[in-house]
N, C-alpha and C. Protein backbone atom coordinates (compact mmCIF):
# COMPACT_ATOMS: atom_id res chain seq x y z
N MET A 1 3.37 7.85 -13.35
CA MET A 1 2.42 8.21 -12.33
C MET A 1 3.17 8.83 -11.18
N SER A 2 2.56 9.78 -10.51
CA SER A 2 3.19 10.43 -9.37
C SER A 2 2.73 9.78 -8.08
N ASP A 3 3.68 9.42 -7.23
CA ASP A 3 3.36 8.79 -5.95
C ASP A 3 3.53 9.84 -4.87
N GLN A 4 2.41 10.42 -4.43
CA GLN A 4 2.49 11.52 -3.47
C GLN A 4 2.89 11.06 -2.08
N GLY A 5 2.55 9.81 -1.71
CA GLY A 5 3.02 9.27 -0.44
C GLY A 5 2.52 10.07 0.75
N ARG A 6 3.29 10.01 1.81
CA ARG A 6 2.91 10.66 3.07
C ARG A 6 3.85 11.83 3.30
N GLY A 7 3.31 13.04 3.39
CA GLY A 7 4.12 14.19 3.71
C GLY A 7 4.42 14.25 5.19
N ASP A 8 5.31 15.16 5.59
CA ASP A 8 5.60 15.28 7.01
C ASP A 8 4.61 16.22 7.66
N ALA A 9 4.85 16.54 8.94
CA ALA A 9 3.90 17.35 9.69
C ALA A 9 3.77 18.75 9.12
N ALA A 10 4.80 19.23 8.39
CA ALA A 10 4.75 20.56 7.81
C ALA A 10 4.05 20.56 6.46
N GLY A 11 3.58 19.40 5.99
CA GLY A 11 2.86 19.33 4.72
C GLY A 11 3.75 19.27 3.51
N GLU A 12 4.99 18.84 3.67
CA GLU A 12 5.90 18.75 2.53
C GLU A 12 5.42 17.67 1.56
N ALA A 13 5.42 18.00 0.26
CA ALA A 13 5.01 17.05 -0.76
C ALA A 13 6.14 16.08 -1.07
N ASN A 14 5.78 14.90 -1.56
CA ASN A 14 6.76 13.90 -1.97
C ASN A 14 7.44 14.35 -3.26
N PRO A 15 8.77 14.56 -3.27
CA PRO A 15 9.45 15.03 -4.48
C PRO A 15 9.82 13.91 -5.45
N TRP A 16 9.53 12.66 -5.11
CA TRP A 16 9.85 11.52 -5.98
C TRP A 16 8.67 11.22 -6.89
N THR A 17 8.96 10.85 -8.14
CA THR A 17 7.95 10.37 -9.07
C THR A 17 8.25 8.90 -9.37
N VAL A 18 7.26 8.06 -9.15
CA VAL A 18 7.44 6.62 -9.35
C VAL A 18 6.82 6.22 -10.68
N GLY A 19 7.62 5.55 -11.50
CA GLY A 19 7.11 5.02 -12.75
C GLY A 19 6.64 3.60 -12.55
N ARG A 20 7.47 2.62 -12.92
CA ARG A 20 7.09 1.22 -12.80
C ARG A 20 7.57 0.67 -11.46
N ALA A 21 6.74 -0.13 -10.83
CA ALA A 21 7.09 -0.81 -9.59
C ALA A 21 6.86 -2.30 -9.77
N GLU A 22 7.83 -3.10 -9.34
CA GLU A 22 7.75 -4.55 -9.55
C GLU A 22 8.17 -5.26 -8.26
N ILE A 23 7.31 -6.14 -7.77
CA ILE A 23 7.65 -6.94 -6.60
C ILE A 23 8.67 -8.00 -7.00
N ARG A 24 9.82 -8.00 -6.33
CA ARG A 24 10.88 -8.93 -6.67
C ARG A 24 10.95 -10.11 -5.70
N TYR A 25 10.40 -9.93 -4.49
CA TYR A 25 10.46 -11.00 -3.49
C TYR A 25 9.35 -10.77 -2.48
N ASP A 26 8.72 -11.86 -2.03
CA ASP A 26 7.60 -11.75 -1.11
C ASP A 26 7.53 -12.99 -0.25
N ASN A 27 7.47 -12.81 1.09
CA ASN A 27 7.25 -13.94 1.98
C ASN A 27 6.32 -13.51 3.12
N ARG A 28 6.25 -14.30 4.18
CA ARG A 28 5.32 -14.00 5.29
C ARG A 28 5.68 -12.72 6.02
N TRP A 29 6.93 -12.31 5.93
CA TRP A 29 7.40 -11.22 6.79
C TRP A 29 7.74 -9.94 6.03
N ILE A 30 8.25 -10.06 4.81
CA ILE A 30 8.68 -8.87 4.07
C ILE A 30 8.28 -8.97 2.60
N ARG A 31 8.26 -7.78 1.94
CA ARG A 31 8.07 -7.72 0.50
C ARG A 31 9.09 -6.73 -0.06
N VAL A 32 9.85 -7.16 -1.06
CA VAL A 32 10.88 -6.32 -1.67
C VAL A 32 10.38 -5.85 -3.03
N THR A 33 10.38 -4.53 -3.25
CA THR A 33 9.86 -3.95 -4.48
C THR A 33 10.95 -3.12 -5.17
N HIS A 34 11.07 -3.31 -6.48
CA HIS A 34 11.98 -2.53 -7.32
C HIS A 34 11.17 -1.41 -7.96
N HIS A 35 11.60 -0.16 -7.77
CA HIS A 35 10.91 1.00 -8.33
C HIS A 35 11.80 1.69 -9.37
N GLU A 36 11.19 2.08 -10.48
CA GLU A 36 11.85 2.98 -11.42
C GLU A 36 11.31 4.38 -11.15
N VAL A 37 12.21 5.34 -10.90
CA VAL A 37 11.79 6.63 -10.36
C VAL A 37 12.45 7.78 -11.11
N LEU A 38 11.87 8.96 -10.89
CA LEU A 38 12.56 10.22 -11.12
C LEU A 38 12.92 10.77 -9.75
N THR A 39 14.18 11.08 -9.54
CA THR A 39 14.64 11.56 -8.24
C THR A 39 14.14 12.99 -8.00
N PRO A 40 14.30 13.51 -6.80
CA PRO A 40 13.92 14.91 -6.55
C PRO A 40 14.62 15.90 -7.48
N ALA A 41 15.78 15.51 -8.04
CA ALA A 41 16.48 16.38 -8.99
C ALA A 41 15.94 16.22 -10.41
N GLY A 42 14.98 15.30 -10.59
CA GLY A 42 14.40 15.09 -11.91
C GLY A 42 15.16 14.12 -12.79
N THR A 43 16.14 13.43 -12.23
CA THR A 43 16.93 12.46 -12.99
C THR A 43 16.36 11.06 -12.81
N PRO A 44 16.48 10.20 -13.83
CA PRO A 44 15.97 8.84 -13.71
C PRO A 44 16.84 8.02 -12.76
N GLY A 45 16.19 7.10 -12.03
CA GLY A 45 16.93 6.25 -11.11
C GLY A 45 16.11 5.04 -10.72
N ILE A 46 16.64 4.28 -9.80
CA ILE A 46 15.95 3.11 -9.25
C ILE A 46 15.96 3.20 -7.74
N TYR A 47 14.99 2.54 -7.11
CA TYR A 47 14.92 2.50 -5.66
C TYR A 47 14.34 1.15 -5.25
N GLY A 48 15.05 0.47 -4.36
CA GLY A 48 14.54 -0.77 -3.80
C GLY A 48 14.02 -0.54 -2.39
N THR A 49 12.81 -1.01 -2.11
CA THR A 49 12.23 -0.82 -0.79
C THR A 49 11.82 -2.17 -0.20
N VAL A 50 11.87 -2.24 1.12
CA VAL A 50 11.45 -3.43 1.85
C VAL A 50 10.26 -3.06 2.71
N HIS A 51 9.13 -3.70 2.44
CA HIS A 51 7.92 -3.50 3.25
C HIS A 51 7.87 -4.59 4.32
N PHE A 52 7.70 -4.18 5.57
CA PHE A 52 7.59 -5.13 6.68
C PHE A 52 6.12 -5.36 7.00
N LYS A 53 5.75 -6.61 7.12
CA LYS A 53 4.36 -6.97 7.34
C LYS A 53 3.97 -7.01 8.81
N ASN A 54 4.95 -6.74 9.67
CA ASN A 54 4.69 -6.64 11.11
C ASN A 54 5.30 -5.35 11.64
N ILE A 55 4.77 -4.89 12.78
CA ILE A 55 5.38 -3.80 13.53
C ILE A 55 6.39 -4.40 14.49
N ALA A 56 7.57 -3.79 14.59
CA ALA A 56 8.56 -4.25 15.56
C ALA A 56 8.13 -3.79 16.95
N ILE A 57 8.14 -4.73 17.88
CA ILE A 57 7.68 -4.48 19.24
C ILE A 57 8.84 -4.74 20.21
N GLY A 58 9.07 -3.81 21.12
CA GLY A 58 10.08 -4.01 22.16
C GLY A 58 9.52 -3.69 23.53
N ILE A 59 10.03 -4.38 24.54
CA ILE A 59 9.54 -4.19 25.91
C ILE A 59 10.72 -4.10 26.86
N VAL A 60 10.68 -3.10 27.75
CA VAL A 60 11.64 -3.03 28.85
C VAL A 60 10.88 -3.39 30.13
N PRO A 61 11.02 -4.64 30.60
CA PRO A 61 10.35 -5.01 31.85
C PRO A 61 11.17 -4.57 33.04
N ILE A 62 10.51 -4.12 34.10
CA ILE A 62 11.20 -3.64 35.30
C ILE A 62 10.56 -4.29 36.51
N ASP A 63 11.37 -4.98 37.32
CA ASP A 63 10.81 -5.65 38.49
C ASP A 63 10.92 -4.77 39.73
N ALA A 64 10.46 -5.29 40.87
CA ALA A 64 10.39 -4.50 42.09
C ALA A 64 11.76 -4.17 42.66
N GLU A 65 12.81 -4.83 42.17
CA GLU A 65 14.17 -4.55 42.63
C GLU A 65 14.95 -3.69 41.65
N GLY A 66 14.27 -3.16 40.63
CA GLY A 66 14.93 -2.31 39.66
C GLY A 66 15.78 -3.07 38.66
N HIS A 67 15.45 -4.33 38.43
CA HIS A 67 16.14 -5.14 37.44
C HIS A 67 15.31 -5.24 36.16
N THR A 68 15.97 -5.57 35.07
CA THR A 68 15.30 -5.82 33.80
C THR A 68 15.83 -7.13 33.22
N TRP A 69 15.33 -7.50 32.05
CA TRP A 69 15.74 -8.73 31.37
C TRP A 69 16.24 -8.40 29.97
N LEU A 70 17.32 -9.04 29.57
CA LEU A 70 17.79 -9.02 28.20
C LEU A 70 17.65 -10.42 27.60
N VAL A 71 17.45 -10.46 26.30
CA VAL A 71 17.32 -11.71 25.58
C VAL A 71 18.50 -11.83 24.62
N GLY A 72 19.21 -12.94 24.68
CA GLY A 72 20.33 -13.17 23.79
C GLY A 72 19.98 -14.17 22.71
N GLN A 73 20.37 -13.86 21.48
CA GLN A 73 20.15 -14.78 20.38
C GLN A 73 21.11 -14.47 19.24
N TYR A 74 21.34 -15.47 18.40
CA TYR A 74 22.20 -15.30 17.22
C TYR A 74 21.36 -14.69 16.11
N ARG A 75 21.84 -13.57 15.56
CA ARG A 75 21.11 -12.88 14.50
C ARG A 75 21.69 -13.27 13.15
N PHE A 76 20.88 -13.98 12.36
CA PHE A 76 21.34 -14.54 11.10
C PHE A 76 21.90 -13.50 10.13
N PRO A 77 21.22 -12.35 9.91
CA PRO A 77 21.76 -11.40 8.93
C PRO A 77 23.13 -10.84 9.31
N LEU A 78 23.39 -10.71 10.62
CA LEU A 78 24.66 -10.13 11.09
C LEU A 78 25.74 -11.18 11.26
N ARG A 79 25.36 -12.45 11.30
CA ARG A 79 26.29 -13.52 11.65
C ARG A 79 26.96 -13.21 12.98
N ALA A 80 26.15 -12.79 13.94
CA ALA A 80 26.70 -12.36 15.23
C ALA A 80 25.65 -12.57 16.31
N TYR A 81 26.13 -12.73 17.55
CA TYR A 81 25.24 -12.88 18.70
C TYR A 81 24.84 -11.49 19.19
N SER A 82 23.62 -11.36 19.69
CA SER A 82 23.10 -10.06 20.08
C SER A 82 22.30 -10.16 21.38
N TRP A 83 22.57 -9.23 22.30
CA TRP A 83 21.75 -9.08 23.51
C TRP A 83 20.80 -7.91 23.30
N GLU A 84 19.51 -8.14 23.58
CA GLU A 84 18.46 -7.18 23.26
C GLU A 84 17.40 -7.17 24.34
N ILE A 85 16.59 -6.12 24.37
CA ILE A 85 15.39 -6.17 25.17
C ILE A 85 14.45 -7.22 24.55
N PRO A 86 13.47 -7.72 25.29
CA PRO A 86 12.51 -8.63 24.68
C PRO A 86 11.83 -7.96 23.48
N GLU A 87 11.86 -8.64 22.35
CA GLU A 87 11.37 -8.05 21.10
C GLU A 87 10.64 -9.09 20.25
N GLY A 88 9.86 -8.58 19.32
CA GLY A 88 9.21 -9.45 18.35
C GLY A 88 8.44 -8.62 17.36
N GLY A 89 7.56 -9.26 16.62
CA GLY A 89 6.75 -8.57 15.62
C GLY A 89 5.28 -8.72 15.93
N GLY A 90 4.53 -7.69 15.60
CA GLY A 90 3.09 -7.71 15.80
C GLY A 90 2.37 -7.36 14.52
N PRO A 91 1.34 -8.11 14.13
CA PRO A 91 0.60 -7.80 12.91
C PRO A 91 0.01 -6.39 12.96
N HIS A 92 -0.08 -5.75 11.81
CA HIS A 92 -0.59 -4.38 11.76
C HIS A 92 -2.05 -4.29 12.18
N ASP A 93 -2.80 -5.37 12.07
CA ASP A 93 -4.22 -5.32 12.41
C ASP A 93 -4.48 -5.74 13.86
N VAL A 94 -3.42 -5.90 14.66
CA VAL A 94 -3.56 -6.24 16.08
C VAL A 94 -3.03 -5.06 16.89
N PRO A 95 -3.73 -4.65 17.96
CA PRO A 95 -3.22 -3.56 18.78
C PRO A 95 -1.79 -3.85 19.25
N PRO A 96 -0.86 -2.89 19.10
CA PRO A 96 0.53 -3.16 19.47
C PRO A 96 0.72 -3.61 20.91
N LEU A 97 -0.08 -3.08 21.83
CA LEU A 97 0.06 -3.49 23.23
C LEU A 97 -0.27 -4.98 23.39
N GLU A 98 -1.25 -5.45 22.67
CA GLU A 98 -1.59 -6.88 22.71
C GLU A 98 -0.41 -7.73 22.24
N SER A 99 0.25 -7.28 21.17
CA SER A 99 1.43 -8.00 20.68
C SER A 99 2.57 -7.94 21.70
N ALA A 100 2.73 -6.79 22.35
CA ALA A 100 3.79 -6.66 23.35
C ALA A 100 3.57 -7.61 24.52
N MET A 101 2.34 -7.72 24.98
CA MET A 101 2.03 -8.64 26.07
C MET A 101 2.38 -10.07 25.68
N ARG A 102 2.02 -10.45 24.46
CA ARG A 102 2.31 -11.80 23.98
C ARG A 102 3.81 -12.04 23.89
N GLU A 103 4.55 -11.08 23.32
CA GLU A 103 5.98 -11.26 23.17
C GLU A 103 6.69 -11.37 24.52
N LEU A 104 6.28 -10.57 25.48
CA LEU A 104 6.93 -10.61 26.79
C LEU A 104 6.76 -11.99 27.43
N VAL A 105 5.58 -12.55 27.34
CA VAL A 105 5.35 -13.88 27.90
C VAL A 105 6.15 -14.93 27.13
N GLU A 106 6.11 -14.85 25.80
CA GLU A 106 6.79 -15.86 24.99
C GLU A 106 8.29 -15.91 25.28
N GLU A 107 8.92 -14.74 25.37
CA GLU A 107 10.37 -14.70 25.47
C GLU A 107 10.89 -14.80 26.90
N THR A 108 10.13 -14.31 27.87
CA THR A 108 10.63 -14.28 29.26
C THR A 108 9.75 -15.01 30.25
N GLY A 109 8.51 -15.29 29.91
CA GLY A 109 7.57 -15.86 30.87
C GLY A 109 6.96 -14.82 31.79
N LEU A 110 7.27 -13.54 31.59
CA LEU A 110 6.77 -12.48 32.47
C LEU A 110 5.39 -12.00 32.05
N VAL A 111 4.54 -11.78 33.03
CA VAL A 111 3.24 -11.13 32.82
C VAL A 111 3.28 -9.82 33.58
N ALA A 112 2.98 -8.72 32.89
CA ALA A 112 3.01 -7.39 33.50
C ALA A 112 1.60 -6.86 33.66
N ARG A 113 1.34 -6.25 34.82
CA ARG A 113 0.02 -5.65 35.05
C ARG A 113 0.01 -4.16 34.75
N ALA A 114 1.18 -3.54 34.54
CA ALA A 114 1.24 -2.11 34.24
C ALA A 114 2.10 -1.90 32.98
N TRP A 115 1.59 -1.08 32.08
CA TRP A 115 2.26 -0.84 30.80
C TRP A 115 2.25 0.65 30.49
N LEU A 116 3.31 1.10 29.79
CA LEU A 116 3.40 2.50 29.38
C LEU A 116 4.14 2.58 28.04
N PRO A 117 3.54 3.22 27.01
CA PRO A 117 4.29 3.42 25.76
C PRO A 117 5.53 4.28 26.03
N LEU A 118 6.65 3.88 25.47
CA LEU A 118 7.91 4.59 25.72
C LEU A 118 8.34 5.39 24.50
N LEU A 119 8.29 4.80 23.31
CA LEU A 119 8.69 5.52 22.10
C LEU A 119 8.15 4.81 20.87
N GLU A 120 8.09 5.57 19.78
CA GLU A 120 7.85 5.02 18.45
C GLU A 120 8.98 5.50 17.55
N MET A 121 9.40 4.66 16.62
CA MET A 121 10.50 5.03 15.74
C MET A 121 10.38 4.31 14.41
N ASP A 122 11.06 4.86 13.39
CA ASP A 122 11.19 4.22 12.09
C ASP A 122 12.57 3.60 12.01
N LEU A 123 12.64 2.35 11.59
CA LEU A 123 13.90 1.62 11.55
C LEU A 123 14.42 1.59 10.11
N SER A 124 15.66 2.00 9.91
CA SER A 124 16.32 1.93 8.60
C SER A 124 15.44 2.54 7.51
N ASN A 125 15.06 3.81 7.70
CA ASN A 125 14.04 4.40 6.84
C ASN A 125 14.54 4.80 5.46
N SER A 126 15.80 4.53 5.14
CA SER A 126 16.26 4.76 3.76
C SER A 126 15.88 3.62 2.83
N VAL A 127 15.58 2.45 3.39
CA VAL A 127 15.24 1.30 2.54
C VAL A 127 13.97 0.58 2.98
N SER A 128 13.46 0.85 4.19
CA SER A 128 12.31 0.09 4.65
C SER A 128 11.29 1.00 5.32
N ASP A 129 10.06 0.48 5.43
CA ASP A 129 8.98 1.21 6.11
C ASP A 129 8.72 0.63 7.50
N GLU A 130 9.67 -0.12 8.05
CA GLU A 130 9.44 -0.80 9.32
C GLU A 130 9.28 0.20 10.45
N ARG A 131 8.18 0.06 11.18
CA ARG A 131 7.90 0.88 12.36
C ARG A 131 8.19 0.07 13.61
N ALA A 132 8.52 0.78 14.68
CA ALA A 132 8.79 0.12 15.95
C ALA A 132 8.10 0.87 17.08
N ILE A 133 7.63 0.12 18.05
CA ILE A 133 7.03 0.68 19.26
C ILE A 133 7.66 -0.04 20.44
N ALA A 134 8.07 0.73 21.45
CA ALA A 134 8.62 0.15 22.67
C ALA A 134 7.76 0.56 23.87
N TYR A 135 7.67 -0.37 24.82
CA TYR A 135 6.86 -0.16 26.02
C TYR A 135 7.70 -0.40 27.27
N LEU A 136 7.29 0.25 28.36
CA LEU A 136 7.73 -0.14 29.69
C LEU A 136 6.69 -1.08 30.27
N ALA A 137 7.15 -2.08 31.02
CA ALA A 137 6.23 -3.03 31.65
C ALA A 137 6.71 -3.26 33.08
N TRP A 138 5.79 -3.19 34.05
CA TRP A 138 6.18 -3.44 35.44
C TRP A 138 5.01 -4.06 36.20
N ASP A 139 5.20 -4.24 37.49
CA ASP A 139 4.26 -5.03 38.32
C ASP A 139 4.19 -6.43 37.72
N LEU A 140 5.31 -7.15 37.81
CA LEU A 140 5.53 -8.38 37.06
C LEU A 140 5.22 -9.63 37.87
N THR A 141 4.78 -10.66 37.17
CA THR A 141 4.65 -12.00 37.71
C THR A 141 5.42 -12.95 36.80
N GLN A 142 6.25 -13.81 37.40
CA GLN A 142 7.07 -14.73 36.60
C GLN A 142 6.33 -16.02 36.32
N GLY A 143 6.28 -16.38 35.05
CA GLY A 143 5.74 -17.66 34.63
C GLY A 143 6.74 -18.37 33.75
N ALA A 144 6.27 -19.26 32.90
CA ALA A 144 7.14 -20.03 32.02
C ALA A 144 7.20 -19.38 30.64
N ALA A 145 8.42 -19.25 30.10
CA ALA A 145 8.59 -18.73 28.75
C ALA A 145 8.14 -19.77 27.73
N ALA A 146 7.77 -19.30 26.55
CA ALA A 146 7.32 -20.20 25.47
C ALA A 146 7.81 -19.68 24.13
N PRO A 147 9.14 -19.68 23.91
CA PRO A 147 9.66 -19.16 22.64
C PRO A 147 9.21 -20.00 21.46
N GLU A 148 9.27 -19.39 20.27
CA GLU A 148 8.93 -20.13 19.06
C GLU A 148 9.93 -21.27 18.85
N PRO A 149 9.49 -22.36 18.22
CA PRO A 149 10.38 -23.52 18.03
C PRO A 149 11.68 -23.19 17.31
N THR A 150 11.65 -22.15 16.44
CA THR A 150 12.85 -21.80 15.67
C THR A 150 13.83 -20.94 16.47
N GLU A 151 13.43 -20.49 17.66
CA GLU A 151 14.27 -19.58 18.44
C GLU A 151 15.12 -20.34 19.45
N GLN A 152 16.34 -19.89 19.62
CA GLN A 152 17.24 -20.42 20.63
C GLN A 152 17.71 -19.24 21.47
N LEU A 153 17.01 -19.02 22.58
CA LEU A 153 17.18 -17.79 23.35
C LEU A 153 17.87 -18.06 24.69
N ARG A 154 18.60 -17.04 25.17
CA ARG A 154 19.13 -17.02 26.52
C ARG A 154 18.57 -15.79 27.22
N LEU A 155 18.27 -15.92 28.51
CA LEU A 155 17.75 -14.80 29.29
C LEU A 155 18.78 -14.35 30.30
N ARG A 156 18.81 -13.05 30.51
CA ARG A 156 19.73 -12.47 31.48
C ARG A 156 19.00 -11.40 32.28
N ARG A 157 18.88 -11.60 33.59
CA ARG A 157 18.30 -10.58 34.47
C ARG A 157 19.44 -9.77 35.06
N LEU A 158 19.31 -8.45 35.02
CA LEU A 158 20.40 -7.58 35.49
C LEU A 158 19.83 -6.25 35.95
N PRO A 159 20.58 -5.52 36.78
CA PRO A 159 20.09 -4.19 37.20
C PRO A 159 19.87 -3.29 35.99
N LEU A 160 18.80 -2.53 36.02
CA LEU A 160 18.48 -1.66 34.90
C LEU A 160 19.62 -0.67 34.63
N ARG A 161 20.27 -0.20 35.68
CA ARG A 161 21.38 0.74 35.47
C ARG A 161 22.52 0.08 34.69
N GLU A 162 22.71 -1.22 34.88
CA GLU A 162 23.73 -1.93 34.11
C GLU A 162 23.32 -2.03 32.65
N ALA A 163 22.03 -2.22 32.39
CA ALA A 163 21.55 -2.25 31.01
C ALA A 163 21.76 -0.89 30.34
N PHE A 164 21.52 0.19 31.09
CA PHE A 164 21.80 1.53 30.54
C PHE A 164 23.26 1.64 30.12
N ALA A 165 24.15 1.16 30.98
CA ALA A 165 25.58 1.25 30.70
C ALA A 165 25.96 0.43 29.47
N LEU A 166 25.34 -0.74 29.30
CA LEU A 166 25.63 -1.57 28.14
C LEU A 166 25.18 -0.89 26.85
N ALA A 167 24.05 -0.19 26.91
CA ALA A 167 23.59 0.54 25.72
C ALA A 167 24.51 1.71 25.41
N ARG A 168 24.96 2.42 26.45
CA ARG A 168 25.86 3.55 26.23
C ARG A 168 27.21 3.11 25.68
N SER A 169 27.70 1.96 26.13
CA SER A 169 29.04 1.51 25.75
C SER A 169 29.10 0.87 24.37
N GLY A 170 27.95 0.52 23.80
CA GLY A 170 27.93 -0.18 22.53
C GLY A 170 27.91 -1.69 22.66
N ALA A 171 27.90 -2.21 23.89
CA ALA A 171 27.80 -3.65 24.08
C ALA A 171 26.43 -4.16 23.61
N ILE A 172 25.40 -3.33 23.75
CA ILE A 172 24.10 -3.59 23.13
C ILE A 172 24.05 -2.75 21.87
N ARG A 173 23.83 -3.39 20.71
CA ARG A 173 23.87 -2.70 19.42
C ARG A 173 22.52 -2.67 18.71
N ASP A 174 21.59 -3.51 19.11
CA ASP A 174 20.28 -3.55 18.47
C ASP A 174 19.61 -2.18 18.58
N ALA A 175 19.13 -1.65 17.44
CA ALA A 175 18.66 -0.26 17.40
C ALA A 175 17.49 -0.01 18.34
N LEU A 176 16.49 -0.88 18.32
CA LEU A 176 15.33 -0.65 19.18
C LEU A 176 15.70 -0.76 20.65
N SER A 177 16.60 -1.69 20.98
CA SER A 177 17.03 -1.84 22.37
C SER A 177 17.76 -0.59 22.85
N VAL A 178 18.70 -0.10 22.04
CA VAL A 178 19.46 1.09 22.42
C VAL A 178 18.52 2.29 22.58
N ALA A 179 17.62 2.49 21.61
CA ALA A 179 16.71 3.63 21.67
C ALA A 179 15.81 3.55 22.90
N ALA A 180 15.26 2.37 23.17
CA ALA A 180 14.35 2.22 24.30
C ALA A 180 15.07 2.44 25.62
N LEU A 181 16.24 1.85 25.78
CA LEU A 181 16.97 2.00 27.03
C LEU A 181 17.42 3.44 27.25
N GLN A 182 17.87 4.11 26.18
CA GLN A 182 18.29 5.49 26.35
C GLN A 182 17.12 6.42 26.59
N ALA A 183 15.98 6.15 25.94
CA ALA A 183 14.78 6.95 26.20
C ALA A 183 14.33 6.78 27.65
N LEU A 184 14.40 5.54 28.16
CA LEU A 184 14.03 5.30 29.55
C LEU A 184 15.00 5.99 30.50
N GLU A 185 16.29 5.92 30.19
CA GLU A 185 17.26 6.58 31.07
C GLU A 185 17.03 8.09 31.12
N LEU A 186 16.71 8.70 29.98
CA LEU A 186 16.42 10.13 29.96
C LEU A 186 15.21 10.46 30.82
N ARG A 187 14.16 9.65 30.73
CA ARG A 187 12.97 9.89 31.54
C ARG A 187 13.25 9.69 33.02
N TRP A 188 14.11 8.73 33.33
CA TRP A 188 14.51 8.52 34.72
C TRP A 188 15.27 9.74 35.24
N ARG A 189 16.19 10.26 34.42
CA ARG A 189 17.02 11.37 34.86
C ARG A 189 16.23 12.68 34.97
N ASP A 190 15.22 12.85 34.11
CA ASP A 190 14.45 14.11 34.22
C ASP A 190 13.22 13.98 35.12
N GLY A 191 13.07 12.81 35.75
CA GLY A 191 12.02 12.64 36.74
C GLY A 191 10.62 12.52 36.18
N SER A 192 10.48 12.08 34.92
CA SER A 192 9.16 12.02 34.30
C SER A 192 8.55 10.62 34.28
N LEU A 193 9.16 9.67 35.00
CA LEU A 193 8.59 8.33 35.07
C LEU A 193 7.39 8.30 36.01
N PRO A 194 6.48 7.33 35.83
CA PRO A 194 5.40 7.18 36.81
C PRO A 194 5.97 7.01 38.21
N PRO A 195 5.29 7.51 39.23
CA PRO A 195 5.82 7.43 40.60
C PRO A 195 6.23 6.02 41.02
N ALA A 196 5.47 5.01 40.60
CA ALA A 196 5.80 3.63 41.01
C ALA A 196 7.17 3.23 40.50
N LEU A 197 7.50 3.62 39.28
CA LEU A 197 8.82 3.28 38.72
C LEU A 197 9.90 4.17 39.32
N GLY A 198 9.59 5.43 39.52
CA GLY A 198 10.57 6.33 40.14
C GLY A 198 10.98 5.84 41.51
N ALA A 199 10.02 5.30 42.26
CA ALA A 199 10.35 4.78 43.60
C ALA A 199 11.23 3.55 43.51
N VAL A 200 11.01 2.71 42.51
CA VAL A 200 11.81 1.50 42.35
C VAL A 200 13.25 1.85 41.95
N LEU A 201 13.41 2.76 41.00
CA LEU A 201 14.73 3.08 40.47
C LEU A 201 15.51 4.03 41.37
N GLY A 202 14.81 4.83 42.16
CA GLY A 202 15.51 5.77 43.03
C GLY A 202 16.02 6.97 42.26
N PRO A 203 16.83 7.82 42.91
CA PRO A 203 17.32 9.02 42.25
C PRO A 203 18.36 8.70 41.18
N ALA A 204 18.40 9.51 40.13
CA ALA A 204 19.35 9.32 39.04
C ALA A 204 20.76 9.70 39.49
């Protein structure tokens, strides 16, 4: 059977032909499928894909002093500690902004009255279909964080310019965090941020 899939904006057809597909692993968060395929060159091959059951959500909160928050946690797949923007997953049937609001409160205790979509991206698109959305959040009120029982998080408040530097230097390695911080820095430098944020951050 031919799997036409989703073409790009130019209308390119899917050059892969999928024969047999078999689910090899399935849990609450991911599904791993083994595909037997014909490659774009017409040769037989295999392809393993990971379907993510949630959208990755990231938030860059900005307070009235031009500071933001990073969340530190040990990442099991990497066997390493990671500093990141507040992040989490949102079900596909829930508006992403609703999930972002929930994640920000859970991880930092912050409630934001102003929100702006910052970017959308595909994560590790050679093996997975995971999508990510990042938001800016400001006009903040501090409350109590409520992380999930399985999470062991540390919070760090720091000047946003310092967070930009950490992303540029490689001290922050998480893909969504780096992309969101660099996208925000570009908007700050080209003057395209909302006036309220531009006034807080000042000139680039």
